[in-house]
Amino acid sequence: MRRISNLISAGAVCTAGLLAALPAPAQNDNSFATPRAGAPVDLTGYWVSIVTEDWIERMSPDSPPTGTGFRDRIEREQVAVTNPGEPCRAYGAAGSLRVPGRLHIEWLDDHTLEIELDAGSQRRRLHFDPDLPAPTQKSLQGFSRAKWDLGNAGASLSESGSGVPALPAWGSLDVVTSQMSGGFLLSSRTNYTDEAVLTEHFTFHSDFGAEYFTVTAVVEDLGSSNITSSTFRREPNGSKFQPTGCEIIR
């Protein structure tokens, strides 16, 4: 009996030692000091839009929508324009990534990612600091709160030999934008008001040696939702990035 008791005690000590040696489960938002250091994917650099859907609406914005006549276009533009004097309303946050063109993405600091668009010469700033207050004044690009979504990949974080958490192999960027002054959506040929909220999911992927990211965007406004997906391909440098003025949509 004493021998069995000793064996049980030894087994308990061994099990406790093994558990203590295992790394603690990682949280979904990872344990890096800053969002920049813990970025699961690299979205910085230059990108060009790949127009694979809503081609007519995006490439020829003054033409009738695909498969319809002018009557349908007129009937669908019933929401009042909240910023009629804004010539760049088609380049607002909710519709800017649907405008064909190029992007330049870079970190401004450890908690702010900036998206510069050559079409319309617009800039969007994605704020990872949850305590940063939103401005009271509404603007064309609004105020964007961002966070990394690691999904199940967050559970796979492990400690490296240097004691620094290892980066997960996958992750997406979630962004919610409010405080927009209103604008125009090319794909649906409709206006959105200053009460609209934009939710975006940036997903990185690669195919046949090229890198892409796809943005799934949901615009919720006055009880309705508009969903689109826009894809961008990485470019080697910024030689083709040429900021232009806003093209007024009639």
C-alpha atoms as a PDB file:
ATOM      1  CA  MET A   1       0.000   0.000   0.000  1.00  0.00           C
ATOM      2  CA  ARG A   2       2.818   2.411   0.899  1.00  0.00           C
ATOM      3  CA  ARG A   3       4.477   1.640  -2.440  1.00  0.00           C
ATOM      4  CA  ILE A   4       1.254   2.452  -4.352  1.00  0.00           C
ATOM      5  CA  SER A   5       0.879   5.687  -2.390  1.00  0.00           C
ATOM      6  CA  ASN A   6       4.444   6.673  -3.262  1.00  0.00           C
ATOM      7  CA  LEU A   7       3.780   5.945  -6.951  1.00  0.00           C
ATOM      8  CA  ILE A   8       0.634   8.097  -6.929  1.00  0.00           C
ATOM      9  CA  SER A   9       2.496  10.970  -5.267  1.00  0.00           C
ATOM     10  CA  ALA A  10       5.318  10.722  -7.778  1.00  0.00           C
ATOM     11  CA  GLY A  11       2.828  10.704 -10.676  1.00  0.00           C
ATOM     12  CA  ALA A  12       1.073  13.791  -9.327  1.00  0.00           C
ATOM     13  CA  VAL A  13       4.366  15.638  -9.046  1.00  0.00           C
ATOM     14  CA  CYS A  14       5.314  14.611 -12.602  1.00  0.00           C
ATOM     15  CA  THR A  15       1.932  15.742 -14.010  1.00  0.00           C
ATOM     16  CA  ALA A  16       2.172  19.078 -12.202  1.00  0.00           C
ATOM     17  CA  GLY A  17       5.633  19.590 -13.659  1.00  0.00           C
ATOM     18  CA  LEU A  18       4.443  18.885 -17.185  1.00  0.00           C
ATOM     19  CA  LEU A  19       1.521  21.292 -16.849  1.00  0.00           C
ATOM     20  CA  ALA A  20       3.791  23.995 -15.518  1.00  0.00           C
ATOM     21  CA  ALA A  21       6.096  23.550 -18.515  1.00  0.00           C
ATOM     22  CA  LEU A  22       3.294  24.092 -21.030  1.00  0.00           C
ATOM     23  CA  PRO A  23       2.829  27.664 -22.340  1.00  0.00           C
ATOM     24  CA  ALA A  24      -0.232  29.508 -21.113  1.00  0.00           C
ATOM     25  CA  PRO A  25      -3.135  29.670 -23.606  1.00  0.00           C
ATOM     26  CA  ALA A  26      -2.890  32.781 -25.742  1.00  0.00           C
ATOM     27  CA  GLN A  27      -5.684  35.305 -25.915  1.00  0.00           C
ATOM     28  CA  ASN A  28      -7.391  36.080 -29.219  1.00  0.00           C
ATOM     29  CA  ASP A  29      -5.875  39.557 -29.388  1.00  0.00           C
ATOM     30  CA  ASN A  30      -2.347  38.119 -28.737  1.00  0.00           C
ATOM     31  CA  SER A  31       0.152  39.381 -26.190  1.00  0.00           C
ATOM     32  CA  PHE A  32       2.238  41.758 -28.290  1.00  0.00           C
ATOM     33  CA  ALA A  33       2.928  45.228 -26.937  1.00  0.00           C
ATOM     34  CA  THR A  34       1.380  47.035 -29.923  1.00  0.00           C
ATOM     35  CA  PRO A  35      -0.974  46.254 -32.836  1.00  0.00           C
ATOM     36  CA  ARG A  36       1.870  46.982 -35.229  1.00  0.00           C
ATOM     37  CA  ALA A  37       4.219  44.472 -33.585  1.00  0.00           C
ATOM     38  CA  GLY A  38       1.468  41.858 -33.421  1.00  0.00           C
ATOM     39  CA  ALA A  39       0.178  42.263 -36.975  1.00  0.00           C
ATOM     40  CA  PRO A  40      -0.561  38.716 -38.229  1.00  0.00           C
ATOM     41  CA  VAL A  41      -0.283  39.815 -41.876  1.00  0.00           C
ATOM     42  CA  ASP A  42       1.567  42.611 -43.653  1.00  0.00           C
ATOM     43  CA  LEU A  43      -0.837  44.960 -45.423  1.00  0.00           C
ATOM     44  CA  THR A  44       1.712  47.741 -45.898  1.00  0.00           C
ATOM     45  CA  GLY A  45       2.936  48.686 -49.351  1.00  0.00           C
ATOM     46  CA  TYR A  46       1.289  49.489 -52.682  1.00  0.00           C
ATOM     47  CA  TRP A  47      -1.835  47.785 -54.041  1.00  0.00           C
ATOM     48  CA  VAL A  48      -3.971  48.036 -57.176  1.00  0.00           C
ATOM     49  CA  SER A  49      -7.701  47.287 -57.352  1.00  0.00           C
ATOM     50  CA  ILE A  50      -8.874  44.262 -59.328  1.00  0.00           C
ATOM     51  CA  VAL A  51     -12.290  45.069 -60.844  1.00  0.00           C
ATOM     52  CA  THR A  52     -14.059  41.720 -61.125  1.00  0.00           C
ATOM     53  CA  GLU A  53     -17.599  42.736 -60.177  1.00  0.00           C
ATOM     54  CA  ASP A  54     -19.888  45.717 -60.895  1.00  0.00           C
ATOM     55  CA  TRP A  55     -17.566  46.606 -63.768  1.00  0.00           C
ATOM     56  CA  ILE A  56     -19.857  49.155 -65.466  1.00  0.00           C
ATOM     57  CA  GLU A  57     -20.861  50.815 -62.208  1.00  0.00           C
ATOM     58  CA  ARG A  58     -17.242  51.210 -61.089  1.00  0.00           C
ATOM     59  CA  MET A  59     -15.504  51.943 -64.387  1.00  0.00           C
ATOM     60  CA  SER A  60     -18.225  54.111 -65.983  1.00  0.00           C
ATOM     61  CA  PRO A  61     -20.011  55.771 -63.057  1.00  0.00           C
ATOM     62  CA  ASP A  62     -22.228  58.035 -65.192  1.00  0.00           C
ATOM     63  CA  SER A  63     -23.692  55.155 -67.207  1.00  0.00           C
ATOM     64  CA  PRO A  64     -26.936  53.341 -66.283  1.00  0.00           C
ATOM     65  CA  PRO A  65     -26.489  50.404 -63.867  1.00  0.00           C
ATOM     66  CA  THR A  66     -25.856  46.983 -65.377  1.00  0.00           C
ATOM     67  CA  GLY A  67     -28.926  45.515 -67.077  1.00  0.00           C
ATOM     68  CA  THR A  68     -31.192  48.506 -66.374  1.00  0.00           C
ATOM     69  CA  GLY A  69     -32.322  51.728 -67.973  1.00  0.00           C
ATOM     70  CA  PHE A  70     -32.187  55.278 -66.706  1.00  0.00           C
ATOM     71  CA  ARG A  71     -35.539  54.885 -64.924  1.00  0.00           C
ATOM     72  CA  ASP A  72     -34.059  52.381 -62.469  1.00  0.00           C
ATOM     73  CA  ARG A  73     -31.126  54.701 -61.803  1.00  0.00           C
ATOM     74  CA  ILE A  74     -33.446  57.596 -60.968  1.00  0.00           C
ATOM     75  CA  GLU A  75     -35.733  55.501 -58.739  1.00  0.00           C
ATOM     76  CA  ARG A  76     -32.814  54.188 -56.684  1.00  0.00           C
ATOM     77  CA  GLU A  77     -31.466  57.646 -55.822  1.00  0.00           C
ATOM     78  CA  GLN A  78     -34.187  58.683 -53.416  1.00  0.00           C
ATOM     79  CA  VAL A  79     -32.069  59.125 -50.254  1.00  0.00           C
ATOM     80  CA  ALA A  80     -31.382  62.809 -49.694  1.00  0.00           C
ATOM     81  CA  VAL A  81     -27.766  63.892 -50.137  1.00  0.00           C
ATOM     82  CA  THR A  82     -26.476  65.003 -46.742  1.00  0.00           C
ATOM     83  CA  ASN A  83     -23.439  66.779 -48.170  1.00  0.00           C
ATOM     84  CA  PRO A  84     -24.515  68.098 -51.616  1.00  0.00           C
ATOM     85  CA  GLY A  85     -21.651  70.576 -51.730  1.00  0.00           C
ATOM     86  CA  GLU A  86     -18.991  67.861 -51.366  1.00  0.00           C
ATOM     87  CA  PRO A  87     -17.461  67.116 -54.805  1.00  0.00           C
ATOM     88  CA  CYS A  88     -15.665  64.056 -53.432  1.00  0.00           C
ATOM     89  CA  ARG A  89     -18.703  62.296 -51.962  1.00  0.00           C
ATOM     90  CA  ALA A  90     -18.070  59.187 -54.123  1.00  0.00           C
ATOM     91  CA  TYR A  91     -14.654  58.953 -52.432  1.00  0.00           C
ATOM     92  CA  GLY A  92     -15.978  58.833 -48.852  1.00  0.00           C
ATOM     93  CA  ALA A  93     -15.045  55.977 -46.537  1.00  0.00           C
ATOM     94  CA  ALA A  94     -18.045  53.777 -47.352  1.00  0.00           C
ATOM     95  CA  GLY A  95     -17.414  53.855 -51.090  1.00  0.00           C
ATOM     96  CA  SER A  96     -13.760  54.787 -51.550  1.00  0.00           C
ATOM     97  CA  LEU A  97     -12.412  51.243 -51.987  1.00  0.00           C
ATOM     98  CA  ARG A  98     -14.934  50.628 -54.792  1.00  0.00           C
ATOM     99  CA  VAL A  99     -13.367  53.426 -56.849  1.00  0.00           C
ATOM    100  CA  PRO A 100     -10.771  51.825 -59.175  1.00  0.00           C
ATOM    101  CA  GLY A 101      -7.264  52.920 -58.327  1.00  0.00           C
ATOM    102  CA  ARG A 102      -4.217  52.265 -56.185  1.00  0.00           C
ATOM    103  CA  LEU A 103      -3.584  52.258 -52.452  1.00  0.00           C
ATOM    104  CA  HIS A 104      -0.560  53.024 -50.309  1.00  0.00           C
ATOM    105  CA  ILE A 105      -0.803  51.509 -46.820  1.00  0.00           C
ATOM    106  CA  GLU A 106       1.642  52.330 -44.031  1.00  0.00           C
ATOM    107  CA  TRP A 107       1.878  52.537 -40.248  1.00  0.00           C
ATOM    108  CA  LEU A 108       1.916  56.114 -38.984  1.00  0.00           C
ATOM    109  CA  ASP A 109       2.716  54.881 -35.475  1.00  0.00           C
ATOM    110  CA  ASP A 110       2.312  51.677 -33.466  1.00  0.00           C
ATOM    111  CA  HIS A 111      -1.465  52.148 -33.181  1.00  0.00           C
ATOM    112  CA  THR A 112      -2.468  53.864 -36.453  1.00  0.00           C
ATOM    113  CA  LEU A 113      -2.588  52.373 -39.958  1.00  0.00           C
ATOM    114  CA  GLU A 114      -3.149  54.776 -42.854  1.00  0.00           C
ATOM    115  CA  ILE A 115      -4.666  53.967 -46.247  1.00  0.00           C
ATOM    116  CA  GLU A 116      -3.846  56.540 -48.915  1.00  0.00           C
ATOM    117  CA  LEU A 117      -5.895  56.364 -52.122  1.00  0.00           C
ATOM    118  CA  ASP A 118      -4.618  57.877 -55.344  1.00  0.00           C
ATOM    119  CA  ALA A 119      -8.183  58.150 -56.705  1.00  0.00           C
ATOM    120  CA  GLY A 120      -9.510  61.369 -55.250  1.00  0.00           C
ATOM    121  CA  SER A 121      -6.337  61.878 -53.170  1.00  0.00           C
ATOM    122  CA  GLN A 122      -8.022  60.594 -49.999  1.00  0.00           C
ATOM    123  CA  ARG A 123      -6.545  59.276 -46.744  1.00  0.00           C
ATOM    124  CA  ARG A 124      -8.166  56.981 -44.202  1.00  0.00           C
ATOM    125  CA  ARG A 125      -6.717  56.368 -40.748  1.00  0.00           C
ATOM    126  CA  LEU A 126      -7.486  53.145 -38.890  1.00  0.00           C
ATOM    127  CA  HIS A 127      -7.130  53.564 -35.122  1.00  0.00           C
ATOM    128  CA  PHE A 128      -6.264  50.529 -33.003  1.00  0.00           C
ATOM    129  CA  ASP A 129      -6.341  52.431 -29.699  1.00  0.00           C
ATOM    130  CA  PRO A 130      -9.724  51.512 -28.108  1.00  0.00           C
ATOM    131  CA  ASP A 131      -9.499  54.476 -25.726  1.00  0.00           C
ATOM    132  CA  LEU A 132      -9.076  57.094 -28.444  1.00  0.00           C
ATOM    133  CA  PRO A 133     -12.229  59.260 -28.429  1.00  0.00           C
ATOM    134  CA  ALA A 134     -14.131  59.739 -31.673  1.00  0.00           C
ATOM    135  CA  PRO A 135     -14.359  63.313 -32.972  1.00  0.00           C
ATOM    136  CA  THR A 136     -17.672  65.089 -32.604  1.00  0.00           C
ATOM    137  CA  GLN A 137     -17.511  66.569 -36.098  1.00  0.00           C
ATOM    138  CA  LYS A 138     -18.402  64.277 -38.990  1.00  0.00           C
ATOM    139  CA  SER A 139     -16.170  64.050 -42.050  1.00  0.00           C
ATOM    140  CA  LEU A 140     -15.948  62.376 -45.452  1.00  0.00           C
ATOM    141  CA  GLN A 141     -13.682  59.581 -44.141  1.00  0.00           C
ATOM    142  CA  GLY A 142     -15.279  59.394 -40.693  1.00  0.00           C
ATOM    143  CA  PHE A 143     -13.608  57.776 -37.692  1.00  0.00           C
ATOM    144  CA  SER A 144     -12.368  54.183 -37.964  1.00  0.00           C
ATOM    145  CA  ARG A 145     -11.700  51.777 -35.093  1.00  0.00           C
ATOM    146  CA  ALA A 146      -9.611  48.731 -36.012  1.00  0.00           C
ATOM    147  CA  LYS A 147      -8.559  45.448 -34.432  1.00  0.00           C
ATOM    148  CA  TRP A 148      -6.875  42.230 -35.516  1.00  0.00           C
ATOM    149  CA  ASP A 149      -9.112  39.154 -35.626  1.00  0.00           C
ATOM    150  CA  LEU A 150      -7.031  35.996 -35.258  1.00  0.00           C
ATOM    151  CA  GLY A 151      -9.944  33.556 -35.109  1.00  0.00           C
ATOM    152  CA  ASN A 152      -8.725  30.062 -34.260  1.00  0.00           C
ATOM    153  CA  ALA A 153      -5.192  31.124 -35.102  1.00  0.00           C
ATOM    154  CA  GLY A 154      -5.089  33.017 -31.833  1.00  0.00           C
ATOM    155  CA  ALA A 155      -5.057  29.724 -29.946  1.00  0.00           C
ATOM    156  CA  SER A 156      -1.917  28.639 -31.789  1.00  0.00           C
ATOM    157  CA  LEU A 157       0.324  31.411 -30.500  1.00  0.00           C
ATOM    158  CA  SER A 158       3.378  29.996 -28.796  1.00  0.00           C
ATOM    159  CA  GLU A 159       6.494  31.265 -27.109  1.00  0.00           C
ATOM    160  CA  SER A 160       9.633  31.361 -29.221  1.00  0.00           C
ATOM    161  CA  GLY A 161      13.071  30.597 -27.869  1.00  0.00           C
ATOM    162  CA  SER A 162      13.620  34.274 -27.118  1.00  0.00           C
ATOM    163  CA  GLY A 163      10.497  34.464 -24.984  1.00  0.00           C
ATOM    164  CA  VAL A 164       8.653  36.534 -27.613  1.00  0.00           C
ATOM    165  CA  PRO A 165       5.210  35.269 -28.772  1.00  0.00           C
ATOM    166  CA  ALA A 166       5.304  33.759 -32.247  1.00  0.00           C
ATOM    167  CA  LEU A 167       3.153  35.406 -34.909  1.00  0.00           C
ATOM    168  CA  PRO A 168       0.038  33.461 -35.945  1.00  0.00           C
ATOM    169  CA  ALA A 169      -0.080  32.137 -39.492  1.00  0.00           C
ATOM    170  CA  TRP A 170      -3.413  33.796 -40.291  1.00  0.00           C
ATOM    171  CA  GLY A 171      -5.474  36.791 -39.296  1.00  0.00           C
ATOM    172  CA  SER A 172      -7.801  39.450 -40.658  1.00  0.00           C
ATOM    173  CA  LEU A 173      -8.354  43.108 -39.954  1.00  0.00           C
ATOM    174  CA  ASP A 174     -11.763  44.268 -38.712  1.00  0.00           C
ATOM    175  CA  VAL A 175     -12.677  47.953 -39.038  1.00  0.00           C
ATOM    176  CA  VAL A 176     -15.822  49.846 -37.979  1.00  0.00           C
ATOM    177  CA  THR A 177     -16.261  53.394 -39.279  1.00  0.00           C
ATOM    178  CA  SER A 178     -18.780  55.960 -38.060  1.00  0.00           C
ATOM    179  CA  GLN A 179     -19.017  59.760 -37.946  1.00  0.00           C
ATOM    180  CA  MET A 180     -19.161  59.918 -41.755  1.00  0.00           C
ATOM    181  CA  SER A 181     -20.703  62.973 -43.395  1.00  0.00           C
ATOM    182  CA  GLY A 182     -22.411  60.907 -46.108  1.00  0.00           C
ATOM    183  CA  GLY A 183     -21.454  59.920 -49.622  1.00  0.00           C
ATOM    184  CA  PHE A 184     -22.243  57.951 -52.774  1.00  0.00           C
ATOM    185  CA  LEU A 185     -21.916  54.210 -53.482  1.00  0.00           C
ATOM    186  CA  LEU A 186     -20.859  53.387 -57.040  1.00  0.00           C
ATOM    187  CA  SER A 187     -22.017  49.761 -57.048  1.00  0.00           C
ATOM    188  CA  SER A 188     -25.616  50.421 -55.997  1.00  0.00           C
ATOM    189  CA  ARG A 189     -25.780  53.977 -57.376  1.00  0.00           C
ATOM    190  CA  THR A 190     -27.226  55.184 -54.092  1.00  0.00           C
ATOM    191  CA  ASN A 191     -26.389  57.832 -51.535  1.00  0.00           C
ATOM    192  CA  TYR A 192     -25.669  57.048 -47.898  1.00  0.00           C
ATOM    193  CA  THR A 193     -26.420  59.467 -45.102  1.00  0.00           C
ATOM    194  CA  ASP A 194     -24.410  60.792 -42.177  1.00  0.00           C
ATOM    195  CA  GLU A 195     -26.062  58.126 -39.998  1.00  0.00           C
ATOM    196  CA  ALA A 196     -24.426  55.241 -41.898  1.00  0.00           C
ATOM    197  CA  VAL A 197     -22.030  52.786 -40.239  1.00  0.00           C
ATOM    198  CA  LEU A 198     -19.399  50.926 -42.262  1.00  0.00           C
ATOM    199  CA  THR A 199     -18.041  47.531 -41.157  1.00  0.00           C
ATOM    200  CA  GLU A 200     -15.087  46.063 -43.078  1.00  0.00           C
ATOM    201  CA  HIS A 201     -13.128  42.808 -42.949  1.00  0.00           C
ATOM    202  CA  PHE A 202      -9.707  42.836 -44.650  1.00  0.00           C
ATOM    203  CA  THR A 203      -8.566  39.295 -45.521  1.00  0.00           C
ATOM    204  CA  PHE A 204      -5.082  38.598 -46.880  1.00  0.00           C
ATOM    205  CA  HIS A 205      -4.505  35.732 -49.358  1.00  0.00           C
ATOM    206  CA  SER A 206      -2.044  34.639 -52.031  1.00  0.00           C
ATOM    207  CA  ASP A 207      -2.453  32.753 -55.306  1.00  0.00           C
ATOM    208  CA  PHE A 208       0.035  31.721 -58.004  1.00  0.00           C
ATOM    209  CA  GLY A 209       2.841  33.721 -56.443  1.00  0.00           C
ATOM    210  CA  ALA A 210       0.877  36.977 -56.102  1.00  0.00           C
ATOM    211  CA  GLU A 211      -0.409  38.549 -52.878  1.00  0.00           C
ATOM    212  CA  TYR A 212      -3.901  39.954 -52.497  1.00  0.00           C
ATOM    213  CA  PHE A 213      -6.298  41.205 -49.895  1.00  0.00           C
ATOM    214  CA  THR A 214     -10.079  41.320 -50.132  1.00  0.00           C
ATOM    215  CA  VAL A 215     -12.257  43.797 -48.255  1.00  0.00           C
ATOM    216  CA  THR A 216     -15.788  42.683 -47.434  1.00  0.00           C
ATOM    217  CA  ALA A 217     -17.740  45.838 -46.606  1.00  0.00           C
ATOM    218  CA  VAL A 218     -21.197  46.257 -45.095  1.00  0.00           C
ATOM    219  CA  VAL A 219     -22.823  49.700 -45.141  1.00  0.00           C
ATOM    220  CA  GLU A 220     -25.796  49.940 -42.781  1.00  0.00           C
ATOM    221  CA  ASP A 221     -27.929  53.020 -43.227  1.00  0.00           C
ATOM    222  CA  LEU A 222     -31.573  53.863 -42.472  1.00  0.00           C
ATOM    223  CA  GLY A 223     -32.497  50.226 -41.856  1.00  0.00           C
ATOM    224  CA  SER A 224     -30.926  48.825 -45.036  1.00  0.00           C
ATOM    225  CA  SER A 225     -27.614  47.093 -45.744  1.00  0.00           C
ATOM    226  CA  ASN A 226     -25.327  47.165 -48.764  1.00  0.00           C
ATOM    227  CA  ILE A 227     -22.642  44.456 -49.022  1.00  0.00           C
ATOM    228  CA  THR A 228     -19.676  44.455 -51.405  1.00  0.00           C
ATOM    229  CA  SER A 229     -16.277  42.790 -51.715  1.00  0.00           C
ATOM    230  CA  SER A 230     -13.253  44.494 -53.281  1.00  0.00           C
ATOM    231  CA  THR A 231      -9.928  42.814 -54.086  1.00  0.00           C
ATOM    232  CA  PHE A 232      -6.465  44.371 -54.371  1.00  0.00           C
ATOM    233  CA  ARG A 233      -3.174  42.906 -55.673  1.00  0.00           C
ATOM    234  CA  ARG A 234       0.197  43.868 -54.247  1.00  0.00           C
ATOM    235  CA  GLU A 235       2.518  45.877 -56.495  1.00  0.00           C
ATOM    236  CA  PRO A 236       6.319  45.861 -56.201  1.00  0.00           C
ATOM    237  CA  ASN A 237       6.649  49.626 -55.671  1.00  0.00           C
ATOM    238  CA  GLY A 238       4.827  52.947 -55.906  1.00  0.00           C
ATOM    239  CA  SER A 239       5.921  53.904 -59.424  1.00  0.00           C
ATOM    240  CA  LYS A 240       2.303  53.732 -60.682  1.00  0.00           C
ATOM    241  CA  PHE A 241       0.765  55.459 -57.670  1.00  0.00           C
ATOM    242  CA  GLN A 242      -0.449  58.835 -58.944  1.00  0.00           C
ATOM    243  CA  PRO A 243      -2.881  60.873 -56.778  1.00  0.00           C
ATOM    244  CA  THR A 244      -5.664  62.534 -58.783  1.00  0.00           C
ATOM    245  CA  GLY A 245      -8.508  64.901 -58.043  1.00  0.00           C
ATOM    246  CA  CYS A 246     -12.105  63.877 -57.405  1.00  0.00           C
ATOM    247  CA  GLU A 247     -14.172  63.070 -60.481  1.00  0.00           C
ATOM    248  CA  ILE A 248     -17.624  64.461 -59.846  1.00  0.00           C
ATOM    249  CA  ILE A 249     -20.394  61.854 -60.134  1.00  0.00           C
ATOM    250  CA  ARG A 250     -23.537  63.335 -61.700  1.00  0.00           C
END
